Amino acid sequence: TQFYPYPPRSSLGLQDDRHKTVFSLIPKESDEKQGLKYSVYTDRFAEFLSVKKDELIQRLPQYHMRTQGRDGERGEGFFRNLQEVEDFLNWVGQRKTPAI
């Protein structure tokens, strides 16, 4: 697992063991009112964390499904404050410790 930057979108992504993106933070599409935007391959990230998709969705603030395709469900949302980010990262960390 590794974090890597996406220069064209000024994003930060998390890849699974197959080097496929599972989660991205997108500061360029974020603002003070809505918060820090994220994009998630919901099925792929749930599999990576060994949790049910519904459990993952419950942990993602302001989540809504964007598309359903060959890579499964893809959604997005916003972290409205630092506490939401910390709560989510703590929950993820209890399931998987990424190698940065």
N, C-alpha and C. Protein backbone atom coordinates (compact mmCIF):
# COMPACT_ATOMS: atom_id res chain seq x y z
N THR A 1 0.84 -1.17 0.00
CA THR A 1 0.00 0.00 0.00
C THR A 1 0.88 1.23 0.00
N GLN A 2 0.51 2.20 -0.81
CA GLN A 2 1.30 3.42 -0.82
C GLN A 2 0.44 4.62 -1.18
N PHE A 3 0.86 5.77 -0.69
CA PHE A 3 0.24 7.03 -1.08
C PHE A 3 1.06 7.59 -2.23
N TYR A 4 0.41 8.26 -3.16
CA TYR A 4 1.11 8.85 -4.28
C TYR A 4 0.36 10.08 -4.76
N PRO A 5 1.07 11.07 -5.30
CA PRO A 5 0.41 12.29 -5.79
C PRO A 5 -0.08 12.12 -7.22
N TYR A 6 -1.15 12.83 -7.55
CA TYR A 6 -1.63 12.93 -8.92
C TYR A 6 -1.35 14.36 -9.38
N PRO A 7 -0.24 14.61 -10.04
CA PRO A 7 0.08 16.00 -10.40
C PRO A 7 -1.00 16.74 -11.18
N PRO A 8 -1.68 16.12 -12.16
CA PRO A 8 -2.66 16.90 -12.93
C PRO A 8 -3.83 17.41 -12.10
N ARG A 9 -4.22 16.66 -11.08
CA ARG A 9 -5.39 17.06 -10.28
C ARG A 9 -5.00 17.56 -8.90
N SER A 10 -3.73 17.59 -8.61
CA SER A 10 -3.26 17.99 -7.28
C SER A 10 -3.96 17.17 -6.21
N SER A 11 -3.91 15.86 -6.36
CA SER A 11 -4.58 14.94 -5.45
C SER A 11 -3.56 14.06 -4.74
N LEU A 12 -4.05 13.37 -3.72
CA LEU A 12 -3.25 12.38 -3.02
C LEU A 12 -4.06 11.10 -2.98
N GLY A 13 -3.49 10.01 -3.47
CA GLY A 13 -4.24 8.76 -3.56
C GLY A 13 -3.64 7.65 -2.73
N LEU A 14 -4.46 6.66 -2.45
CA LEU A 14 -4.06 5.45 -1.74
C LEU A 14 -4.32 4.27 -2.66
N GLN A 15 -3.29 3.44 -2.88
CA GLN A 15 -3.43 2.27 -3.74
C GLN A 15 -3.52 1.01 -2.91
N ASP A 16 -4.20 0.01 -3.47
CA ASP A 16 -4.25 -1.30 -2.83
C ASP A 16 -3.03 -2.11 -3.24
N ASP A 17 -3.00 -3.38 -2.86
CA ASP A 17 -1.85 -4.24 -3.14
C ASP A 17 -1.68 -4.54 -4.63
N ARG A 18 -2.72 -4.28 -5.41
CA ARG A 18 -2.65 -4.50 -6.87
C ARG A 18 -2.31 -3.20 -7.60
N HIS A 19 -1.95 -2.17 -6.85
CA HIS A 19 -1.59 -0.85 -7.40
C HIS A 19 -2.77 -0.17 -8.08
N LYS A 20 -3.96 -0.42 -7.57
CA LYS A 20 -5.16 0.26 -8.05
C LYS A 20 -5.60 1.26 -6.99
N THR A 21 -6.02 2.41 -7.44
CA THR A 21 -6.47 3.46 -6.52
C THR A 21 -7.72 3.00 -5.78
N VAL A 22 -7.74 3.23 -4.47
CA VAL A 22 -8.91 2.92 -3.66
C VAL A 22 -9.51 4.18 -3.04
N PHE A 23 -8.68 5.21 -2.83
CA PHE A 23 -9.14 6.40 -2.13
C PHE A 23 -8.27 7.58 -2.54
N SER A 24 -8.88 8.73 -2.76
CA SER A 24 -8.14 9.94 -3.13
C SER A 24 -8.69 11.14 -2.39
N LEU A 25 -7.80 12.03 -1.99
CA LEU A 25 -8.16 13.35 -1.47
C LEU A 25 -7.93 14.34 -2.59
N ILE A 26 -8.85 15.27 -2.77
CA ILE A 26 -8.78 16.18 -3.90
C ILE A 26 -8.89 17.63 -3.41
N PRO A 27 -7.78 18.18 -2.92
CA PRO A 27 -7.81 19.55 -2.40
C PRO A 27 -8.24 20.59 -3.43
N LYS A 28 -7.91 20.35 -4.69
CA LYS A 28 -8.24 21.32 -5.74
C LYS A 28 -9.75 21.51 -5.90
N GLU A 29 -10.55 20.50 -5.53
CA GLU A 29 -12.00 20.59 -5.63
C GLU A 29 -12.65 20.80 -4.25
N SER A 30 -11.85 21.24 -3.31
CA SER A 30 -12.30 21.46 -1.93
C SER A 30 -12.44 22.95 -1.67
N ASP A 31 -13.23 23.29 -0.67
CA ASP A 31 -13.32 24.68 -0.25
C ASP A 31 -13.73 24.74 1.22
N GLU A 32 -13.68 25.94 1.76
CA GLU A 32 -13.97 26.13 3.17
C GLU A 32 -15.41 25.76 3.53
N LYS A 33 -16.35 26.00 2.64
CA LYS A 33 -17.75 25.75 2.91
C LYS A 33 -18.08 24.25 2.92
N GLN A 34 -17.65 23.53 1.87
CA GLN A 34 -17.98 22.11 1.75
C GLN A 34 -17.00 21.21 2.50
N GLY A 35 -15.72 21.58 2.50
CA GLY A 35 -14.70 20.79 3.17
C GLY A 35 -13.71 20.18 2.19
N LEU A 36 -12.99 19.16 2.66
CA LEU A 36 -11.97 18.47 1.88
C LEU A 36 -12.63 17.34 1.09
N LYS A 37 -12.55 17.42 -0.22
CA LYS A 37 -13.22 16.43 -1.08
C LYS A 37 -12.42 15.14 -1.14
N TYR A 38 -13.14 14.03 -1.15
CA TYR A 38 -12.53 12.72 -1.37
C TYR A 38 -13.30 11.99 -2.47
N SER A 39 -12.60 11.06 -3.09
CA SER A 39 -13.19 10.15 -4.08
C SER A 39 -12.78 8.74 -3.66
N VAL A 40 -13.70 7.79 -3.79
CA VAL A 40 -13.42 6.44 -3.30
C VAL A 40 -13.99 5.39 -4.25
N TYR A 41 -13.18 4.37 -4.54
CA TYR A 41 -13.67 3.17 -5.21
C TYR A 41 -14.21 2.29 -4.08
N THR A 42 -15.49 2.38 -3.85
CA THR A 42 -16.12 1.84 -2.65
C THR A 42 -15.93 0.33 -2.50
N ASP A 43 -16.24 -0.43 -3.54
CA ASP A 43 -16.09 -1.89 -3.46
C ASP A 43 -14.63 -2.29 -3.26
N ARG A 44 -13.75 -1.65 -4.03
CA ARG A 44 -12.32 -1.96 -3.96
C ARG A 44 -11.74 -1.62 -2.58
N PHE A 45 -12.12 -0.46 -2.02
CA PHE A 45 -11.59 -0.05 -0.72
C PHE A 45 -12.14 -0.96 0.39
N ALA A 46 -13.42 -1.33 0.30
CA ALA A 46 -14.00 -2.23 1.30
C ALA A 46 -13.28 -3.58 1.28
N GLU A 47 -13.00 -4.09 0.09
CA GLU A 47 -12.26 -5.35 -0.02
C GLU A 47 -10.86 -5.22 0.56
N PHE A 48 -10.19 -4.11 0.25
CA PHE A 48 -8.85 -3.85 0.75
C PHE A 48 -8.81 -3.82 2.28
N LEU A 49 -9.86 -3.25 2.89
CA LEU A 49 -9.92 -3.16 4.36
C LEU A 49 -10.55 -4.39 5.01
N SER A 50 -11.06 -5.30 4.19
CA SER A 50 -11.74 -6.52 4.68
C SER A 50 -12.96 -6.17 5.53
N VAL A 51 -13.76 -5.23 5.01
CA VAL A 51 -15.01 -4.83 5.66
C VAL A 51 -16.13 -4.87 4.62
N LYS A 52 -17.37 -4.87 5.11
CA LYS A 52 -18.51 -4.80 4.20
C LYS A 52 -18.62 -3.38 3.65
N LYS A 53 -19.09 -3.29 2.43
CA LYS A 53 -19.22 -1.98 1.78
C LYS A 53 -20.09 -1.03 2.60
N ASP A 54 -21.18 -1.53 3.16
CA ASP A 54 -22.06 -0.68 3.97
C ASP A 54 -21.34 -0.11 5.19
N GLU A 55 -20.46 -0.90 5.80
CA GLU A 55 -19.70 -0.42 6.95
C GLU A 55 -18.77 0.72 6.54
N LEU A 56 -18.11 0.58 5.39
CA LEU A 56 -17.25 1.64 4.88
C LEU A 56 -18.05 2.90 4.61
N ILE A 57 -19.18 2.75 3.93
CA ILE A 57 -20.01 3.91 3.58
C ILE A 57 -20.47 4.65 4.83
N GLN A 58 -20.80 3.92 5.89
CA GLN A 58 -21.23 4.56 7.14
C GLN A 58 -20.13 5.42 7.74
N ARG A 59 -18.87 5.09 7.46
CA ARG A 59 -17.74 5.82 8.02
C ARG A 59 -17.32 7.03 7.18
N LEU A 60 -17.83 7.11 5.95
CA LEU A 60 -17.46 8.21 5.06
C LEU A 60 -18.48 9.34 5.17
N PRO A 61 -18.04 10.52 5.64
CA PRO A 61 -18.98 11.63 5.79
C PRO A 61 -19.48 12.14 4.43
N GLN A 62 -20.76 12.49 4.38
CA GLN A 62 -21.39 13.08 3.20
C GLN A 62 -21.18 12.23 1.94
N TYR A 63 -21.13 10.91 2.09
CA TYR A 63 -20.90 10.02 0.95
C TYR A 63 -22.11 9.98 0.02
N HIS A 64 -21.84 10.01 -1.27
CA HIS A 64 -22.88 9.69 -2.25
C HIS A 64 -22.24 8.96 -3.43
N MET A 65 -22.98 7.99 -3.98
CA MET A 65 -22.47 7.23 -5.11
C MET A 65 -22.47 8.11 -6.34
N ARG A 66 -21.37 8.05 -7.08
CA ARG A 66 -21.25 8.84 -8.30
C ARG A 66 -21.47 7.98 -9.54
N THR A 67 -20.84 6.80 -9.58
CA THR A 67 -20.99 5.91 -10.72
C THR A 67 -20.93 4.46 -10.27
N GLN A 68 -21.43 3.60 -11.13
CA GLN A 68 -21.34 2.15 -10.95
C GLN A 68 -20.80 1.62 -12.26
N GLY A 69 -19.62 1.01 -12.24
CA GLY A 69 -19.01 0.55 -13.48
C GLY A 69 -18.28 -0.77 -13.30
N ARG A 70 -17.40 -1.05 -14.24
CA ARG A 70 -16.68 -2.33 -14.21
C ARG A 70 -15.78 -2.46 -12.99
N ASP A 71 -15.35 -1.34 -12.43
CA ASP A 71 -14.54 -1.36 -11.21
C ASP A 71 -15.39 -1.28 -9.95
N GLY A 72 -16.70 -1.43 -10.10
CA GLY A 72 -17.59 -1.36 -8.95
C GLY A 72 -18.08 0.05 -8.72
N GLU A 73 -18.59 0.25 -7.53
CA GLU A 73 -19.16 1.54 -7.16
C GLU A 73 -18.05 2.56 -6.90
N ARG A 74 -18.29 3.77 -7.36
CA ARG A 74 -17.38 4.87 -7.06
C ARG A 74 -18.19 6.00 -6.46
N GLY A 75 -17.70 6.54 -5.35
CA GLY A 75 -18.42 7.60 -4.67
C GLY A 75 -17.50 8.74 -4.30
N GLU A 76 -18.12 9.75 -3.71
CA GLU A 76 -17.36 10.92 -3.28
C GLU A 76 -18.10 11.61 -2.15
N GLY A 77 -17.40 12.51 -1.52
CA GLY A 77 -17.98 13.27 -0.43
C GLY A 77 -16.98 14.29 0.08
N PHE A 78 -17.27 14.82 1.26
CA PHE A 78 -16.41 15.86 1.84
C PHE A 78 -16.21 15.61 3.33
N PHE A 79 -14.98 15.79 3.78
CA PHE A 79 -14.69 15.86 5.21
C PHE A 79 -14.89 17.32 5.60
N ARG A 80 -15.81 17.59 6.52
CA ARG A 80 -16.15 18.97 6.87
C ARG A 80 -15.20 19.58 7.89
N ASN A 81 -14.50 18.73 8.63
CA ASN A 81 -13.59 19.27 9.65
C ASN A 81 -12.50 18.23 9.97
N LEU A 82 -11.52 18.66 10.72
CA LEU A 82 -10.39 17.80 11.05
C LEU A 82 -10.81 16.58 11.86
N GLN A 83 -11.80 16.72 12.71
CA GLN A 83 -12.27 15.59 13.52
C GLN A 83 -12.80 14.46 12.64
N GLU A 84 -13.53 14.80 11.59
CA GLU A 84 -14.02 13.76 10.67
C GLU A 84 -12.87 13.04 9.98
N VAL A 85 -11.84 13.78 9.60
CA VAL A 85 -10.66 13.18 8.99
C VAL A 85 -9.98 12.25 9.98
N GLU A 86 -9.75 12.72 11.20
CA GLU A 86 -9.09 11.91 12.22
C GLU A 86 -9.89 10.66 12.56
N ASP A 87 -11.20 10.79 12.70
CA ASP A 87 -12.04 9.63 13.00
C ASP A 87 -11.95 8.59 11.90
N PHE A 88 -12.00 9.03 10.64
CA PHE A 88 -11.92 8.10 9.52
C PHE A 88 -10.54 7.43 9.46
N LEU A 89 -9.48 8.22 9.59
CA LEU A 89 -8.13 7.65 9.54
C LEU A 89 -7.88 6.68 10.68
N ASN A 90 -8.38 6.98 11.87
CA ASN A 90 -8.24 6.05 13.00
C ASN A 90 -8.97 4.75 12.72
N TRP A 91 -10.16 4.84 12.15
CA TRP A 91 -10.93 3.65 11.81
C TRP A 91 -10.19 2.81 10.76
N VAL A 92 -9.68 3.47 9.71
CA VAL A 92 -8.92 2.77 8.67
C VAL A 92 -7.67 2.14 9.28
N GLY A 93 -6.98 2.88 10.12
CA GLY A 93 -5.75 2.38 10.74
C GLY A 93 -5.96 1.15 11.60
N GLN A 94 -7.14 1.00 12.15
CA GLN A 94 -7.44 -0.19 12.94
C GLN A 94 -7.62 -1.42 12.06
N ARG A 95 -7.84 -1.20 10.77
CA ARG A 95 -8.05 -2.30 9.84
C ARG A 95 -6.84 -2.58 8.97
N LYS A 96 -6.06 -1.55 8.67
CA LYS A 96 -4.93 -1.69 7.76
C LYS A 96 -3.90 -0.62 8.10
N THR A 97 -2.66 -0.99 8.12
CA THR A 97 -1.60 -0.01 8.33
C THR A 97 -0.85 0.16 7.02
N PRO A 98 -1.09 1.28 6.31
CA PRO A 98 -0.43 1.48 5.01
C PRO A 98 1.05 1.74 5.16
N ALA A 99 1.81 1.23 4.19
CA ALA A 99 3.24 1.53 4.11
C ALA A 99 3.39 2.82 3.32
N ILE A 100 3.87 3.84 3.95
CA ILE A 100 3.97 5.15 3.30
C ILE A 100 5.37 5.35 2.78
